[in-house]
Amino acid sequence: MSATTYYATTAEERLSEAQRTLDRHIVSSVSGRCIDCGQLGPCPAREAAALVFSRLLRLPVRRPGVTRPELVSARRVA
């Protein structure tokens, strides 16, 4: 027997908005500041978006390279 989880439209909308917030409020690899608002470390907007994912038991989509690690001389390992 398998369980299926159904999300209401509002939950999907909240997840989409939280994902957009996480995509904007990224902590830079170089300075440790939020790229959007400039706050040092994770900003309150990012923390609130992460809380939405936590409460809905979902994981955000990760996009490699958005923190621009090449600026601190990071390179890919084969």
PDB file of N, CA and C in Angstrom:
ATOM      1  N   MET A   1       0.843  -1.171   0.000  1.00  0.00           N
ATOM      2  CA  MET A   1       0.000   0.000   0.000  1.00  0.00           C
ATOM      3  C   MET A   1       0.893   1.241   0.000  1.00  0.00           C
ATOM      4  N   SER A   2       0.645   2.152  -0.878  1.00  0.00           N
ATOM      5  CA  SER A   2       1.455   3.366  -0.923  1.00  0.00           C
ATOM      6  C   SER A   2       0.595   4.572  -0.566  1.00  0.00           C
ATOM      7  N   ALA A   3       1.224   5.519   0.049  1.00  0.00           N
ATOM      8  CA  ALA A   3       0.524   6.747   0.430  1.00  0.00           C
ATOM      9  C   ALA A   3       0.814   7.818  -0.613  1.00  0.00           C
ATOM     10  N   THR A   4      -0.165   8.599  -0.898  1.00  0.00           N
ATOM     11  CA  THR A   4      -0.016   9.697  -1.841  1.00  0.00           C
ATOM     12  C   THR A   4      -0.317  10.991  -1.119  1.00  0.00           C
ATOM     13  N   THR A   5       0.521  11.970  -1.335  1.00  0.00           N
ATOM     14  CA  THR A   5       0.324  13.273  -0.707  1.00  0.00           C
ATOM     15  C   THR A   5      -0.202  14.236  -1.756  1.00  0.00           C
ATOM     16  N   TYR A   6      -1.271  14.901  -1.433  1.00  0.00           N
ATOM     17  CA  TYR A   6      -1.852  15.894  -2.324  1.00  0.00           C
ATOM     18  C   TYR A   6      -1.676  17.265  -1.699  1.00  0.00           C
ATOM     19  N   TYR A   7      -1.209  18.199  -2.491  1.00  0.00           N
ATOM     20  CA  TYR A   7      -1.038  19.567  -2.015  1.00  0.00           C
ATOM     21  C   TYR A   7      -2.112  20.451  -2.622  1.00  0.00           C
ATOM     22  N   ALA A   8      -2.618  21.344  -1.818  1.00  0.00           N
ATOM     23  CA  ALA A   8      -3.593  22.311  -2.313  1.00  0.00           C
ATOM     24  C   ALA A   8      -2.874  23.311  -3.212  1.00  0.00           C
ATOM     25  N   THR A   9      -3.635  23.991  -4.010  1.00  0.00           N
ATOM     26  CA  THR A   9      -3.055  24.993  -4.904  1.00  0.00           C
ATOM     27  C   THR A   9      -2.298  26.045  -4.111  1.00  0.00           C
ATOM     28  N   THR A  10      -2.829  26.440  -2.973  1.00  0.00           N
ATOM     29  CA  THR A  10      -2.143  27.467  -2.186  1.00  0.00           C
ATOM     30  C   THR A  10      -0.789  26.965  -1.682  1.00  0.00           C
ATOM     31  N   ALA A  11      -0.679  25.689  -1.351  1.00  0.00           N
ATOM     32  CA  ALA A  11       0.601  25.143  -0.908  1.00  0.00           C
ATOM     33  C   ALA A  11       1.609  25.173  -2.055  1.00  0.00           C
ATOM     34  N   GLU A  12       1.184  24.825  -3.245  1.00  0.00           N
ATOM     35  CA  GLU A  12       2.074  24.876  -4.409  1.00  0.00           C
ATOM     36  C   GLU A  12       2.501  26.311  -4.699  1.00  0.00           C
ATOM     37  N   GLU A  13       1.580  27.249  -4.530  1.00  0.00           N
ATOM     38  CA  GLU A  13       1.914  28.656  -4.740  1.00  0.00           C
ATOM     39  C   GLU A  13       2.925  29.128  -3.702  1.00  0.00           C
ATOM     40  N   ARG A  14       2.747  28.708  -2.459  1.00  0.00           N
ATOM     41  CA  ARG A  14       3.687  29.074  -1.401  1.00  0.00           C
ATOM     42  C   ARG A  14       5.064  28.490  -1.684  1.00  0.00           C
ATOM     43  N   LEU A  15       5.114  27.260  -2.159  1.00  0.00           N
ATOM     44  CA  LEU A  15       6.392  26.640  -2.502  1.00  0.00           C
ATOM     45  C   LEU A  15       7.068  27.373  -3.666  1.00  0.00           C
ATOM     46  N   SER A  16       6.287  27.755  -4.655  1.00  0.00           N
ATOM     47  CA  SER A  16       6.849  28.484  -5.804  1.00  0.00           C
ATOM     48  C   SER A  16       7.417  29.833  -5.374  1.00  0.00           C
ATOM     49  N   GLU A  17       6.676  30.537  -4.530  1.00  0.00           N
ATOM     50  CA  GLU A  17       7.146  31.835  -4.036  1.00  0.00           C
ATOM     51  C   GLU A  17       8.386  31.654  -3.167  1.00  0.00           C
ATOM     52  N   ALA A  18       8.396  30.629  -2.330  1.00  0.00           N
ATOM     53  CA  ALA A  18       9.563  30.365  -1.490  1.00  0.00           C
ATOM     54  C   ALA A  18      10.781  30.026  -2.344  1.00  0.00           C
ATOM     55  N   GLN A  19      10.581  29.273  -3.422  1.00  0.00           N
ATOM     56  CA  GLN A  19      11.694  28.948  -4.326  1.00  0.00           C
ATOM     57  C   GLN A  19      12.233  30.204  -4.983  1.00  0.00           C
ATOM     58  N   ARG A  20      11.349  31.094  -5.424  1.00  0.00           N
ATOM     59  CA  ARG A  20      11.798  32.353  -6.033  1.00  0.00           C
ATOM     60  C   ARG A  20      12.597  33.177  -5.022  1.00  0.00           C
ATOM     61  N   THR A  21      12.146  33.187  -3.775  1.00  0.00           N
ATOM     62  CA  THR A  21      12.856  33.924  -2.728  1.00  0.00           C
ATOM     63  C   THR A  21      14.241  33.328  -2.499  1.00  0.00           C
ATOM     64  N   LEU A  22      14.325  32.003  -2.431  1.00  0.00           N
ATOM     65  CA  LEU A  22      15.627  31.359  -2.257  1.00  0.00           C
ATOM     66  C   LEU A  22      16.541  31.639  -3.442  1.00  0.00           C
ATOM     67  N   ASP A  23      15.986  31.709  -4.627  1.00  0.00           N
ATOM     68  CA  ASP A  23      16.786  31.980  -5.821  1.00  0.00           C
ATOM     69  C   ASP A  23      17.340  33.407  -5.823  1.00  0.00           C
ATOM     70  N   ARG A  24      16.616  34.342  -5.220  1.00  0.00           N
ATOM     71  CA  ARG A  24      17.072  35.739  -5.153  1.00  0.00           C
ATOM     72  C   ARG A  24      18.032  35.965  -3.994  1.00  0.00           C
ATOM     73  N   HIS A  25      17.731  35.416  -2.848  1.00  0.00           N
ATOM     74  CA  HIS A  25      18.503  35.667  -1.629  1.00  0.00           C
ATOM     75  C   HIS A  25      19.531  34.558  -1.424  1.00  0.00           C
ATOM     76  N   ILE A  26      20.607  34.641  -2.180  1.00  0.00           N
ATOM     77  CA  ILE A  26      21.672  33.651  -2.160  1.00  0.00           C
ATOM     78  C   ILE A  26      22.856  34.235  -1.398  1.00  0.00           C
ATOM     79  N   VAL A  27      23.455  33.439  -0.541  1.00  0.00           N
ATOM     80  CA  VAL A  27      24.632  33.880   0.191  1.00  0.00           C
ATOM     81  C   VAL A  27      25.854  33.684  -0.703  1.00  0.00           C
ATOM     82  N   SER A  28      26.569  34.765  -0.949  1.00  0.00           N
ATOM     83  CA  SER A  28      27.730  34.746  -1.833  1.00  0.00           C
ATOM     84  C   SER A  28      28.882  33.963  -1.209  1.00  0.00           C
ATOM     85  N   SER A  29      29.595  33.212  -2.044  1.00  0.00           N
ATOM     86  CA  SER A  29      30.775  32.480  -1.581  1.00  0.00           C
ATOM     87  C   SER A  29      31.915  33.428  -1.237  1.00  0.00           C
ATOM     88  N   VAL A  30      31.922  34.589  -1.847  1.00  0.00           N
ATOM     89  CA  VAL A  30      33.026  35.526  -1.666  1.00  0.00           C
ATOM     90  C   VAL A  30      32.910  36.296  -0.364  1.00  0.00           C
ATOM     91  N   SER A  31      31.786  36.975  -0.173  1.00  0.00           N
ATOM     92  CA  SER A  31      31.657  37.877   0.970  1.00  0.00           C
ATOM     93  C   SER A  31      30.834  37.304   2.116  1.00  0.00           C
ATOM     94  N   GLY A  32      30.056  36.265   1.846  1.00  0.00           N
ATOM     95  CA  GLY A  32      29.178  35.729   2.881  1.00  0.00           C
ATOM     96  C   GLY A  32      27.924  36.547   3.068  1.00  0.00           C
ATOM     97  N   ARG A  33      27.700  37.495   2.169  1.00  0.00           N
ATOM     98  CA  ARG A  33      26.519  38.365   2.235  1.00  0.00           C
ATOM     99  C   ARG A  33      25.454  37.898   1.263  1.00  0.00           C
ATOM    100  N   CYS A  34      24.200  38.235   1.578  1.00  0.00           N
ATOM    101  CA  CYS A  34      23.086  37.947   0.689  1.00  0.00           C
ATOM    102  C   CYS A  34      23.261  38.774  -0.587  1.00  0.00           C
ATOM    103  N   ILE A  35      23.162  38.138  -1.724  1.00  0.00           N
ATOM    104  CA  ILE A  35      23.365  38.833  -2.993  1.00  0.00           C
ATOM    105  C   ILE A  35      22.262  39.863  -3.240  1.00  0.00           C
ATOM    106  N   ASP A  36      21.038  39.607  -2.783  1.00  0.00           N
ATOM    107  CA  ASP A  36      19.913  40.508  -3.048  1.00  0.00           C
ATOM    108  C   ASP A  36      19.868  41.696  -2.087  1.00  0.00           C
ATOM    109  N   CYS A  37      19.930  41.424  -0.780  1.00  0.00           N
ATOM    110  CA  CYS A  37      19.751  42.522   0.186  1.00  0.00           C
ATOM    111  C   CYS A  37      21.044  42.945   0.869  1.00  0.00           C
ATOM    112  N   GLY A  38      22.130  42.193   0.703  1.00  0.00           N
ATOM    113  CA  GLY A  38      23.422  42.596   1.237  1.00  0.00           C
ATOM    114  C   GLY A  38      23.661  42.273   2.702  1.00  0.00           C
ATOM    115  N   GLN A  39      22.734  41.605   3.355  1.00  0.00           N
ATOM    116  CA  GLN A  39      22.904  41.274   4.761  1.00  0.00           C
ATOM    117  C   GLN A  39      23.951  40.171   4.912  1.00  0.00           C
ATOM    118  N   LEU A  40      24.753  40.266   5.970  1.00  0.00           N
ATOM    119  CA  LEU A  40      25.768  39.262   6.225  1.00  0.00           C
ATOM    120  C   LEU A  40      25.102  37.978   6.694  1.00  0.00           C
ATOM    121  N   GLY A  41      25.427  36.866   6.027  1.00  0.00           N
ATOM    122  CA  GLY A  41      24.828  35.581   6.372  1.00  0.00           C
ATOM    123  C   GLY A  41      23.430  35.459   5.790  1.00  0.00           C
ATOM    124  N   PRO A  42      22.747  34.373   6.134  1.00  0.00           N
ATOM    125  CA  PRO A  42      21.380  34.192   5.625  1.00  0.00           C
ATOM    126  C   PRO A  42      20.452  35.303   6.129  1.00  0.00           C
ATOM    127  N   CYS A  43      19.737  35.922   5.234  1.00  0.00           N
ATOM    128  CA  CYS A  43      18.842  37.017   5.607  1.00  0.00           C
ATOM    129  C   CYS A  43      17.487  36.465   6.070  1.00  0.00           C
ATOM    130  N   PRO A  44      16.677  37.294   6.725  1.00  0.00           N
ATOM    131  CA  PRO A  44      15.372  36.842   7.207  1.00  0.00           C
ATOM    132  C   PRO A  44      14.449  36.338   6.094  1.00  0.00           C
ATOM    133  N   ALA A  45      14.533  36.920   4.908  1.00  0.00           N
ATOM    134  CA  ALA A  45      13.698  36.465   3.788  1.00  0.00           C
ATOM    135  C   ALA A  45      14.066  35.042   3.398  1.00  0.00           C
ATOM    136  N   ARG A  46      15.351  34.743   3.358  1.00  0.00           N
ATOM    137  CA  ARG A  46      15.808  33.390   3.016  1.00  0.00           C
ATOM    138  C   ARG A  46      15.404  32.402   4.102  1.00  0.00           C
ATOM    139  N   GLU A  47      15.534  32.794   5.354  1.00  0.00           N
ATOM    140  CA  GLU A  47      15.159  31.918   6.463  1.00  0.00           C
ATOM    141  C   GLU A  47      13.658  31.612   6.435  1.00  0.00           C
ATOM    142  N   ALA A  48      12.841  32.610   6.113  1.00  0.00           N
ATOM    143  CA  ALA A  48      11.387  32.404   6.040  1.00  0.00           C
ATOM    144  C   ALA A  48      11.038  31.453   4.890  1.00  0.00           C
ATOM    145  N   ALA A  49      11.730  31.607   3.761  1.00  0.00           N
ATOM    146  CA  ALA A  49      11.480  30.719   2.619  1.00  0.00           C
ATOM    147  C   ALA A  49      11.888  29.283   2.946  1.00  0.00           C
ATOM    148  N   ALA A  50      13.005  29.131   3.642  1.00  0.00           N
ATOM    149  CA  ALA A  50      13.448  27.791   4.032  1.00  0.00           C
ATOM    150  C   ALA A  50      12.459  27.153   4.999  1.00  0.00           C
ATOM    151  N   LEU A  51      11.852  27.965   5.841  1.00  0.00           N
ATOM    152  CA  LEU A  51      10.858  27.466   6.793  1.00  0.00           C
ATOM    153  C   LEU A  51       9.618  26.921   6.072  1.00  0.00           C
ATOM    154  N   VAL A  52       9.226  27.556   4.974  1.00  0.00           N
ATOM    155  CA  VAL A  52       8.091  27.066   4.183  1.00  0.00           C
ATOM    156  C   VAL A  52       8.375  25.656   3.683  1.00  0.00           C
ATOM    157  N   PHE A  53       9.568  25.444   3.144  1.00  0.00           N
ATOM    158  CA  PHE A  53       9.927  24.111   2.660  1.00  0.00           C
ATOM    159  C   PHE A  53       9.959  23.100   3.802  1.00  0.00           C
ATOM    160  N   SER A  54      10.473  23.530   4.940  1.00  0.00           N
ATOM    161  CA  SER A  54      10.554  22.639   6.086  1.00  0.00           C
ATOM    162  C   SER A  54       9.167  22.217   6.567  1.00  0.00           C
ATOM    163  N   ARG A  55       8.273  23.161   6.655  1.00  0.00           N
ATOM    164  CA  ARG A  55       6.920  22.858   7.147  1.00  0.00           C
ATOM    165  C   ARG A  55       6.130  21.986   6.181  1.00  0.00           C
ATOM    166  N   LEU A  56       6.405  22.118   4.886  1.00  0.00           N
ATOM    167  CA  LEU A  56       5.682  21.325   3.891  1.00  0.00           C
ATOM    168  C   LEU A  56       6.427  20.040   3.525  1.00  0.00           C
ATOM    169  N   LEU A  57       7.513  19.767   4.254  1.00  0.00           N
ATOM    170  CA  LEU A  57       8.298  18.542   4.060  1.00  0.00           C
ATOM    171  C   LEU A  57       8.769  18.362   2.616  1.00  0.00           C
ATOM    172  N   ARG A  58       9.256  19.432   2.050  1.00  0.00           N
ATOM    173  CA  ARG A  58       9.787  19.408   0.692  1.00  0.00           C
ATOM    174  C   ARG A  58      11.197  19.981   0.690  1.00  0.00           C
ATOM    175  N   LEU A  59      11.941  19.717  -0.369  1.00  0.00           N
ATOM    176  CA  LEU A  59      13.276  20.270  -0.522  1.00  0.00           C
ATOM    177  C   LEU A  59      13.280  21.277  -1.658  1.00  0.00           C
ATOM    178  N   PRO A  60      14.012  22.375  -1.509  1.00  0.00           N
ATOM    179  CA  PRO A  60      14.101  23.342  -2.604  1.00  0.00           C
ATOM    180  C   PRO A  60      14.954  22.790  -3.738  1.00  0.00           C
ATOM    181  N   VAL A  61      14.790  23.361  -4.905  1.00  0.00           N
ATOM    182  CA  VAL A  61      15.600  23.000  -6.064  1.00  0.00           C
ATOM    183  C   VAL A  61      16.944  23.698  -5.914  1.00  0.00           C
ATOM    184  N   ARG A  62      18.009  22.940  -6.054  1.00  0.00           N
ATOM    185  CA  ARG A  62      19.352  23.517  -5.952  1.00  0.00           C
ATOM    186  C   ARG A  62      19.894  23.745  -7.351  1.00  0.00           C
ATOM    187  N   ARG A  63      20.522  24.888  -7.542  1.00  0.00           N
ATOM    188  CA  ARG A  63      21.113  25.214  -8.834  1.00  0.00           C
ATOM    189  C   ARG A  63      22.616  25.410  -8.649  1.00  0.00           C
ATOM    190  N   PRO A  64      23.431  24.467  -9.106  1.00  0.00           N
ATOM    191  CA  PRO A  64      24.880  24.571  -8.922  1.00  0.00           C
ATOM    192  C   PRO A  64      25.447  25.838  -9.542  1.00  0.00           C
ATOM    193  N   GLY A  65      26.346  26.482  -8.818  1.00  0.00           N
ATOM    194  CA  GLY A  65      27.040  27.642  -9.346  1.00  0.00           C
ATOM    195  C   GLY A  65      26.412  28.986  -9.059  1.00  0.00           C
ATOM    196  N   VAL A  66      25.256  29.045  -8.436  1.00  0.00           N
ATOM    197  CA  VAL A  66      24.603  30.340  -8.229  1.00  0.00           C
ATOM    198  C   VAL A  66      25.320  31.202  -7.198  1.00  0.00           C
ATOM    199  N   THR A  67      26.124  30.603  -6.324  1.00  0.00           N
ATOM    200  CA  THR A  67      26.862  31.396  -5.341  1.00  0.00           C
ATOM    201  C   THR A  67      28.168  31.928  -5.912  1.00  0.00           C
ATOM    202  N   ARG A  68      28.432  31.619  -7.174  1.00  0.00           N
ATOM    203  CA  ARG A  68      29.619  32.064  -7.902  1.00  0.00           C
ATOM    204  C   ARG A  68      30.910  31.646  -7.199  1.00  0.00           C
ATOM    205  N   PRO A  69      31.087  30.329  -6.987  1.00  0.00           N
ATOM    206  CA  PRO A  69      32.273  29.848  -6.277  1.00  0.00           C
ATOM    207  C   PRO A  69      33.582  30.114  -7.011  1.00  0.00           C
ATOM    208  N   GLU A  70      33.517  30.390  -8.302  1.00  0.00           N
ATOM    209  CA  GLU A  70      34.749  30.660  -9.048  1.00  0.00           C
ATOM    210  C   GLU A  70      35.431  31.934  -8.561  1.00  0.00           C
ATOM    211  N   LEU A  71      34.683  32.800  -7.888  1.00  0.00           N
ATOM    212  CA  LEU A  71      35.267  34.036  -7.391  1.00  0.00           C
ATOM    213  C   LEU A  71      36.213  33.795  -6.208  1.00  0.00           C
ATOM    214  N   VAL A  72      36.122  32.645  -5.579  1.00  0.00           N
ATOM    215  CA  VAL A  72      37.050  32.305  -4.487  1.00  0.00           C
ATOM    216  C   VAL A  72      37.987  31.178  -4.943  1.00  0.00           C
ATOM    217  N   SER A  73      38.202  31.097  -6.246  1.00  0.00           N
ATOM    218  CA  SER A  73      39.128  30.141  -6.860  1.00  0.00           C
ATOM    219  C   SER A  73      38.717  28.686  -6.670  1.00  0.00           C
ATOM    220  N   ALA A  74      37.442  28.441  -6.476  1.00  0.00           N
ATOM    221  CA  ALA A  74      36.962  27.060  -6.393  1.00  0.00           C
ATOM    222  C   ALA A  74      36.882  26.495  -7.807  1.00  0.00           C
ATOM    223  N   ARG A  75      37.149  25.223  -7.941  1.00  0.00           N
ATOM    224  CA  ARG A  75      37.056  24.589  -9.251  1.00  0.00           C
ATOM    225  C   ARG A  75      36.403  23.229  -9.102  1.00  0.00           C
ATOM    226  N   ARG A  76      35.854  22.750 -10.195  1.00  0.00           N
ATOM    227  CA  ARG A  76      35.191  21.450 -10.196  1.00  0.00           C
ATOM    228  C   ARG A  76      36.205  20.324 -10.056  1.00  0.00           C
ATOM    229  N   VAL A  77      35.821  19.321  -9.294  1.00  0.00           N
ATOM    230  CA  VAL A  77      36.662  18.146  -9.143  1.00  0.00           C
ATOM    231  C   VAL A  77      36.074  17.045  -9.999  1.00  0.00           C
ATOM    232  N   ALA A  78      36.896  16.451 -10.844  1.00  0.00           N
ATOM    233  CA  ALA A  78      36.415  15.422 -11.772  1.00  0.00           C
ATOM    234  C   ALA A  78      36.123  14.120 -11.083  1.00  0.00           C
TER     235      ALA A  78
END
